[in-house]
N, C-alpha and C. Protein backbone atom coordinates (compact mmCIF):
# COMPACT_ATOMS: atom_id res chain seq x y z
N MET A 1 -5.76 -13.97 -10.33
CA MET A 1 -5.90 -14.07 -9.12
C MET A 1 -7.27 -13.62 -8.52
N PRO A 2 -7.91 -13.69 -7.39
CA PRO A 2 -9.28 -13.05 -7.19
C PRO A 2 -8.86 -11.85 -5.73
N THR A 3 -9.32 -11.03 -6.51
CA THR A 3 -9.07 -9.84 -5.81
C THR A 3 -9.82 -9.49 -4.13
N SER A 4 -10.27 -10.57 -3.77
CA SER A 4 -11.34 -10.06 -2.60
C SER A 4 -10.54 -11.01 -1.85
N GLN A 5 -8.72 -11.53 -1.98
CA GLN A 5 -7.54 -11.61 -1.02
C GLN A 5 -6.93 -10.88 -0.79
N VAL A 6 -6.79 -10.01 -1.95
CA VAL A 6 -5.99 -8.66 -1.83
C VAL A 6 -6.41 -7.64 -0.83
N GLU A 7 -7.90 -7.32 -1.10
CA GLU A 7 -8.68 -6.31 -0.38
C GLU A 7 -8.80 -6.47 1.22
N ASP A 8 -8.71 -8.27 1.00
CA ASP A 8 -8.85 -8.48 2.71
C ASP A 8 -7.20 -8.21 3.33
N GLN A 9 -6.68 -8.74 2.48
CA GLN A 9 -5.48 -8.17 3.33
C GLN A 9 -4.81 -6.39 3.54
N ALA A 10 -5.43 -5.95 2.66
CA ALA A 10 -5.29 -4.25 2.55
C ALA A 10 -6.04 -3.49 2.95
N GLN A 11 -6.94 -4.46 3.83
CA GLN A 11 -8.17 -3.62 4.72
C GLN A 11 -7.64 -2.54 5.62
N SER A 12 -6.59 -2.85 6.58
CA SER A 12 -5.92 -1.91 7.27
C SER A 12 -5.66 -0.73 6.71
N LEU A 13 -4.96 -0.20 5.36
CA LEU A 13 -4.81 0.63 4.98
C LEU A 13 -5.98 2.02 5.18
N SER A 14 -6.36 1.56 3.72
CA SER A 14 -7.90 2.49 3.56
C SER A 14 -8.49 1.88 2.43
N ALA A 15 -9.67 1.93 2.16
CA ALA A 15 -10.44 1.95 1.02
C ALA A 15 -9.97 2.09 -0.43
N LEU A 16 -9.85 2.96 -0.48
CA LEU A 16 -9.29 3.76 -1.43
C LEU A 16 -7.75 2.69 -1.93
N ALA A 17 -6.95 2.62 -0.90
CA ALA A 17 -6.18 2.04 -1.27
C ALA A 17 -5.93 1.02 -1.62
N THR A 18 -6.76 0.44 -0.81
CA THR A 18 -7.26 -1.06 -1.62
C THR A 18 -7.89 -1.34 -2.72
N GLN A 19 -8.56 -0.78 -2.84
CA GLN A 19 -8.80 -0.25 -4.39
C GLN A 19 -8.14 0.22 -5.25
N TYR A 20 -7.07 0.37 -5.04
CA TYR A 20 -6.15 0.77 -6.00
C TYR A 20 -5.20 -0.42 -5.98
N LEU A 21 -4.61 -0.90 -4.91
CA LEU A 21 -3.93 -1.88 -5.23
C LEU A 21 -4.49 -3.15 -5.90
N ALA A 22 -6.36 -3.72 -5.65
CA ALA A 22 -6.71 -4.69 -6.46
C ALA A 22 -6.90 -4.47 -7.91
N SER A 23 -7.08 -3.02 -8.40
CA SER A 23 -7.35 -2.48 -9.80
C SER A 23 -5.59 -2.40 -10.36
N HIS A 24 -4.80 -2.22 -9.68
CA HIS A 24 -3.46 -2.39 -10.00
C HIS A 24 -2.82 -3.50 -10.20
N GLY A 25 -3.38 -4.68 -9.67
CA GLY A 25 -3.08 -6.28 -10.13
C GLY A 25 -1.83 -6.62 -8.92
N TYR A 26 -1.87 -5.52 -8.05
CA TYR A 26 -0.96 -6.47 -6.75
C TYR A 26 -1.43 -7.96 -6.17
N GLY A 27 -0.43 -8.67 -6.02
CA GLY A 27 -0.59 -9.79 -5.60
C GLY A 27 -0.64 -9.57 -4.11
N THR A 28 -1.13 -10.77 -3.36
CA THR A 28 -1.03 -10.89 -1.92
C THR A 28 0.36 -10.48 -1.20
N SER A 29 1.09 -11.52 -2.08
CA SER A 29 2.23 -11.10 -1.29
C SER A 29 2.62 -9.50 -1.48
N ASP A 30 2.52 -8.83 -2.10
CA ASP A 30 3.10 -8.01 -2.39
C ASP A 30 2.19 -6.98 -1.28
N VAL A 31 1.18 -6.78 -1.29
CA VAL A 31 -0.10 -6.02 -0.36
C VAL A 31 0.78 -6.49 0.82
N THR A 32 0.92 -7.98 1.39
CA THR A 32 1.66 -8.21 3.18
C THR A 32 2.76 -7.60 3.01
N THR A 33 3.91 -7.07 1.84
CA THR A 33 4.95 -6.41 2.05
C THR A 33 4.33 -4.73 2.13
N ILE A 34 3.60 -4.63 1.48
CA ILE A 34 3.12 -2.86 1.61
C ILE A 34 2.78 -2.60 3.17
N VAL A 35 1.77 -3.60 3.76
CA VAL A 35 1.36 -3.45 4.79
C VAL A 35 2.43 -3.07 6.09
N GLN A 36 3.15 -4.50 5.63
CA GLN A 36 4.12 -4.53 7.10
C GLN A 36 5.26 -2.78 7.03
N ILE A 37 5.03 -2.91 5.18
CA ILE A 37 6.44 -1.45 4.92
C ILE A 37 5.67 -0.21 6.12
N TYR A 38 4.27 0.04 5.80
CA TYR A 38 3.34 0.77 6.43
C TYR A 38 3.74 0.83 7.88
N ARG A 39 3.50 -0.32 8.60
CA ARG A 39 3.59 -0.48 9.99
C ARG A 39 4.31 -0.18 10.66
N GLN A 40 5.68 -0.25 9.80
CA GLN A 40 6.75 -0.44 10.71
C GLN A 40 7.95 1.26 10.33
N ALA A 41 7.07 1.34 9.66
CA ALA A 41 7.65 2.71 8.72
C ALA A 41 7.78 3.86 9.87
N ARG A 42 8.37 4.76 10.43
CA ARG A 42 8.76 5.85 11.27
C ARG A 42 8.24 7.03 11.03
N ASN A 43 8.27 7.32 9.42
CA ASN A 43 7.53 8.11 8.86
C ASN A 43 7.29 8.26 7.31
N ASN A 44 6.43 9.19 7.07
CA ASN A 44 6.05 9.03 5.68
C ASN A 44 7.50 8.63 4.79
N ASP A 45 7.99 9.29 4.91
CA ASP A 45 9.47 9.41 4.53
C ASP A 45 9.79 7.95 4.17
N GLN A 46 10.12 7.55 5.17
CA GLN A 46 10.89 6.03 5.45
C GLN A 46 9.45 5.01 4.31
N PHE A 47 8.78 5.24 4.74
CA PHE A 47 7.86 4.59 3.72
C PHE A 47 7.70 4.37 2.17
N ILE A 48 8.26 5.82 2.40
CA ILE A 48 7.91 5.97 0.32
C ILE A 48 9.47 5.66 0.10
N LEU A 49 10.36 5.74 0.82
CA LEU A 49 11.84 5.16 0.09
C LEU A 49 11.91 3.59 0.59
N ASP A 50 11.43 2.73 1.65
CA ASP A 50 11.56 1.44 2.19
C ASP A 50 10.40 0.90 0.21
N LEU A 51 9.30 1.47 0.01
CA LEU A 51 8.38 0.96 -1.07
C LEU A 51 9.70 1.04 -2.46
N ALA A 52 10.04 1.93 -2.48
CA ALA A 52 10.88 2.25 -3.70
C ALA A 52 12.08 1.52 -3.67
N ARG A 53 12.62 1.70 -2.55
CA ARG A 53 13.98 -0.30 -2.43
C ARG A 53 13.16 -1.29 -2.67
N CYS A 54 11.71 -1.77 -2.27
CA CYS A 54 10.91 -3.05 -3.56
C CYS A 54 10.79 -2.72 -4.46
N GLY A 55 10.71 -1.51 -5.38
CA GLY A 55 10.86 -1.43 -6.85
C GLY A 55 9.51 -0.68 -7.30
N MET A 56 9.16 -0.46 -6.10
CA MET A 56 7.39 0.48 -6.67
C MET A 56 8.14 1.89 -6.77
N SER A 57 7.93 2.63 -7.46
CA SER A 57 8.08 4.08 -7.82
C SER A 57 7.91 5.14 -7.25
N ILE A 58 9.18 6.65 -7.10
CA ILE A 58 8.45 7.02 -5.40
C ILE A 58 7.13 7.81 -5.83
N ALA A 59 7.23 8.20 -7.12
CA ALA A 59 5.61 8.97 -7.40
C ALA A 59 4.87 8.00 -6.83
N GLU A 60 4.66 6.48 -7.44
CA GLU A 60 3.63 5.35 -7.32
C GLU A 60 3.37 5.97 -5.64
N ALA A 61 4.53 5.38 -5.09
CA ALA A 61 4.55 5.41 -2.81
C ALA A 61 3.85 6.70 -2.73
N LYS A 62 4.24 7.62 -3.53
CA LYS A 62 3.49 9.01 -2.80
C LYS A 62 1.84 8.91 -2.99
N ILE A 63 1.20 8.32 -3.98
CA ILE A 63 -0.05 8.57 -4.08
C ILE A 63 -0.38 7.26 -3.35
N LEU A 64 0.25 6.57 -3.15
CA LEU A 64 -0.42 5.20 -2.04
C LEU A 64 -0.51 6.22 -1.01
N LEU A 65 0.15 6.87 -0.56
CA LEU A 65 0.46 7.56 0.90
C LEU A 65 -0.88 8.15 1.15
N VAL A 66 -1.31 9.12 -0.14
CA VAL A 66 -1.99 10.01 -0.27
C VAL A 66 -3.58 9.21 0.41
N LEU A 67 -3.52 7.87 -0.45
CA LEU A 67 -4.53 6.99 -0.73
C LEU A 67 -4.81 6.75 1.04
N ILE A 68 -3.87 6.04 1.26
CA ILE A 68 -3.90 5.97 3.06
C ILE A 68 -4.25 6.78 4.35
N ALA A 69 -3.50 7.83 4.09
CA ALA A 69 -4.00 8.94 4.74
C ALA A 69 -5.08 9.08 4.86
N GLN A 70 -6.07 8.47 3.64
CA GLN A 70 -7.90 9.10 3.76
C GLN A 70 -7.84 8.61 4.79
N HIS A 71 -7.77 7.12 5.59
CA HIS A 71 -8.05 6.58 6.14
C HIS A 71 -8.14 7.33 7.44
N ASP A 72 -7.30 8.07 7.56
CA ASP A 72 -6.80 9.03 8.94
C ASP A 72 -7.84 10.29 8.81
N GLN A 73 -8.64 10.49 7.76
CA GLN A 73 -9.64 11.78 8.25
C GLN A 73 -10.77 11.45 8.39
């Protein structure tokens, strides 16, 4: 899978989160789900728990959230 498609979809998260997702082999459907969960989450805890429900480890979801937060700084 070309990483450019993943990178295009993940741009709204942050540059670091985009690189993380592309380098760890996440596909476009995975990234679409992650972006939707991020947009719909009421808070950080909900984001982490919703990703965990989809199969992502809690530790990885927390790291991803830190990378996304870099976008807001």
